[in-house]
Protein backbone atom coordinates (compact mmCIF):
# COMPACT_ATOMS: atom_id res chain seq x y z
CA MET A 1 -70.83 -3.90 40.08
CA ILE A 2 -69.94 -4.17 36.43
CA ASN A 3 -66.55 -3.04 35.12
CA LEU A 4 -65.72 -1.22 31.93
CA ALA A 5 -62.45 -2.13 30.22
CA LEU A 6 -60.76 0.02 27.58
CA TYR A 7 -58.83 -2.22 25.21
CA HIS A 8 -55.81 -0.46 23.66
CA PRO A 9 -57.36 3.03 23.79
CA GLN A 10 -55.87 5.49 21.30
CA ILE A 11 -57.75 8.75 21.85
CA PRO A 12 -57.13 10.47 25.20
CA GLN A 13 -60.43 12.36 25.12
CA ASN A 14 -62.36 9.07 24.99
CA ALA A 15 -60.40 7.62 27.90
CA GLY A 16 -60.90 10.81 29.92
CA THR A 17 -64.62 10.81 29.19
CA LEU A 18 -64.96 7.19 30.31
CA LEU A 19 -62.91 7.77 33.47
CA ARG A 20 -65.33 10.59 34.22
CA LEU A 21 -68.29 8.28 33.54
CA GLY A 22 -66.79 5.69 35.88
CA SER A 23 -66.36 8.26 38.62
CA CYS A 24 -69.91 9.56 38.29
CA LEU A 25 -71.57 6.13 38.13
CA GLY A 26 -69.31 4.18 40.48
CA ILE A 27 -67.99 1.90 37.74
CA PHE A 28 -64.48 0.48 37.92
CA ILE A 29 -62.42 1.13 34.78
CA ASP A 30 -59.73 -1.21 33.46
CA ILE A 31 -57.27 0.18 30.90
CA ILE A 32 -55.38 -2.37 28.81
CA ARG A 33 -52.07 -1.43 27.18
CA PRO A 34 -50.77 -0.55 24.73
CA ILE A 35 -52.36 2.88 24.80
CA GLY A 36 -51.89 5.60 22.20
CA PHE A 37 -51.17 8.52 24.52
CA ILE A 38 -49.34 9.38 27.71
CA CYS A 39 -51.38 9.38 30.90
CA GLU A 40 -50.44 13.01 31.57
CA ASP A 41 -51.95 14.12 28.25
CA LYS A 42 -53.80 17.42 28.64
CA ARG A 43 -56.62 16.18 26.39
CA LEU A 44 -57.20 13.26 28.77
CA ARG A 45 -57.30 15.64 31.75
CA ARG A 46 -59.58 18.09 29.95
CA ALA A 47 -62.15 15.39 29.08
CA GLY A 48 -61.92 13.79 32.52
CA MET A 49 -61.99 17.17 34.27
CA ASP A 50 -61.54 16.92 38.02
CA TYR A 51 -63.13 13.44 38.07
CA ILE A 52 -59.99 11.47 37.19
CA PRO A 53 -58.62 11.55 40.77
CA THR A 54 -61.99 10.24 42.01
CA SER A 55 -62.27 7.45 39.44
CA ASN A 56 -61.30 3.88 40.30
CA TYR A 57 -59.12 2.38 37.61
CA THR A 58 -56.26 -0.01 36.99
CA VAL A 59 -53.88 -0.10 34.03
CA TYR A 60 -52.81 -3.55 32.78
CA ASN A 61 -49.65 -3.99 30.73
CA SER A 62 -51.27 -6.54 28.38
CA PHE A 63 -54.52 -8.27 27.57
CA ASP A 64 -53.09 -11.56 28.84
CA ILE A 65 -52.44 -10.07 32.29
CA PHE A 66 -55.93 -8.53 32.33
CA HIS A 67 -57.51 -11.79 31.18
CA ALA A 68 -55.67 -13.83 33.83
CA PHE A 69 -56.74 -11.42 36.58
CA TYR A 70 -60.41 -11.74 35.61
CA GLU A 71 -60.43 -15.41 34.59
CA LYS A 72 -63.55 -16.15 36.66
CA ARG A 73 -65.65 -13.25 35.31
CA ARG A 74 -67.48 -12.88 32.02
CA LEU A 75 -65.80 -10.65 29.45
CA ILE A 76 -68.29 -9.07 27.07
CA ALA A 77 -66.86 -7.44 23.97
CA LEU A 78 -68.61 -4.49 22.34
CA ASP A 79 -68.04 -5.64 18.78
CA VAL A 80 -69.82 -4.93 15.49
CA GLY A 81 -69.12 -8.42 14.10
CA GLU A 82 -71.68 -10.93 12.85
CA ASN A 83 -71.37 -13.05 16.02
CA SER A 84 -72.55 -10.19 18.22
CA VAL A 85 -76.08 -9.91 19.63
CA PRO A 86 -77.92 -6.62 20.08
CA TYR A 87 -76.83 -5.10 23.40
CA HIS A 88 -80.39 -4.56 24.63
CA THR A 89 -81.31 -8.27 24.23
CA PHE A 90 -78.32 -9.54 26.23
CA GLU A 91 -78.78 -10.44 29.91
CA TYR A 92 -76.08 -8.75 31.99
CA LEU A 93 -74.79 -10.00 35.35
CA SER A 94 -73.55 -7.78 38.15
CA ASP A 95 -69.93 -8.90 37.84
CA ASP A 96 -69.66 -8.63 34.05
CA ILE A 97 -66.81 -6.77 32.44
CA LEU A 98 -67.79 -4.77 29.37
CA VAL A 99 -64.78 -4.47 27.06
CA VAL A 100 -64.71 -1.72 24.45
CA GLY A 101 -62.21 -2.09 21.62
CA SER A 102 -59.56 0.22 20.29
CA GLU A 103 -60.83 3.19 18.31
CA HIS A 104 -58.49 2.30 15.46
CA TYR A 105 -58.90 -1.46 15.03
CA GLY A 106 -61.34 -2.89 17.54
CA PHE A 107 -59.79 -6.08 18.94
CA LEU A 108 -56.96 -8.35 17.94
CA GLU A 109 -58.63 -11.61 16.88
CA GLN A 110 -56.72 -13.76 19.39
CA ASP A 111 -57.96 -11.54 22.23
CA LEU A 112 -61.53 -11.32 20.94
CA GLU A 113 -61.69 -15.12 20.93
CA LYS A 114 -61.02 -15.16 24.70
CA MET A 115 -64.16 -13.16 25.45
CA GLN A 116 -67.24 -15.16 26.37
CA HIS A 117 -69.83 -12.90 24.71
CA ARG A 118 -70.15 -10.16 22.11
CA VAL A 119 -72.74 -7.42 21.95
CA LYS A 120 -73.36 -4.72 19.39
CA ILE A 121 -75.39 -1.57 19.00
CA PRO A 122 -77.67 -1.98 15.97
CA MET A 123 -77.05 0.82 13.47
CA LEU A 124 -78.41 1.90 10.14
CA PRO A 125 -76.95 0.19 7.08
CA GLN A 126 -73.77 1.70 5.66
CA ARG A 127 -72.67 2.96 9.11
CA ARG A 128 -69.37 1.59 10.48
CA SER A 129 -69.18 2.58 14.11
CA LEU A 130 -69.99 4.97 16.92
CA ASN A 131 -67.50 6.89 19.02
CA MET A 132 -66.02 4.51 21.59
CA ALA A 133 -67.07 6.59 24.60
CA ILE A 134 -70.62 6.96 23.32
CA ALA A 135 -70.93 3.23 22.55
CA ALA A 136 -69.58 2.27 25.96
CA SER A 137 -71.99 4.68 27.66
CA ILE A 138 -75.00 3.23 25.82
CA VAL A 139 -74.16 -0.34 26.82
CA VAL A 140 -73.23 0.57 30.40
CA GLY A 141 -76.60 2.33 30.70
CA GLU A 142 -78.48 -0.78 29.53
CA ALA A 143 -76.52 -3.04 31.90
CA MET A 144 -77.20 -0.70 34.83
CA LYS A 145 -80.90 -0.55 33.91
CA GLN A 146 -81.19 -4.34 33.81
CA LEU A 147 -79.34 -4.67 37.13
CA ASN A 148 -81.44 -1.95 38.80
CA LEU A 149 -78.34 0.10 39.59
CA TYR A 150 -79.98 3.49 39.14
C-alpha cells in the first residue's frame, strides 16, 4: 500500500484531514518534523474527528531520519516545479511514498533533491497552489485508481 508523507506540516487542520483520509482509506501517514503546531491542537482533533486514534502514522524527527528509513522505496514529491510531471500521467507503484510539502514553503531544496520523482497537478495560469490536503487527496486518489485499490 502507498504511504502519504507530510513534510513539515504547518496547519493542524490539514494534518487532521489527512490523518482522517488515511484512516478511511487504509493509508499509512508519515509526519516529518518540524511541524508548526502541537499534536494536541484542538484544530487538528476537530479536522481529524474520531479518526485520529484509528489512523496509522509515525512522526519522524527529521527528513534525514525519514529518508534513511525508506531508502529502498520511491519518494514522490508533490511539487509545482518545472521538473514535475502531471500526476495523472505518472505510473505509481504499490510501495510508493507520496510526499506533500509544507504549506508555507514546499520543500527545502536539499530534501527535494533526494526524492526520485516529482508530480504536479496542472492548474490554470496565474494560480500558485492548492490546499495541501486537497492536493494530497487528488494524487492519492489517482494512485489508488491505477493500483486498483478501490
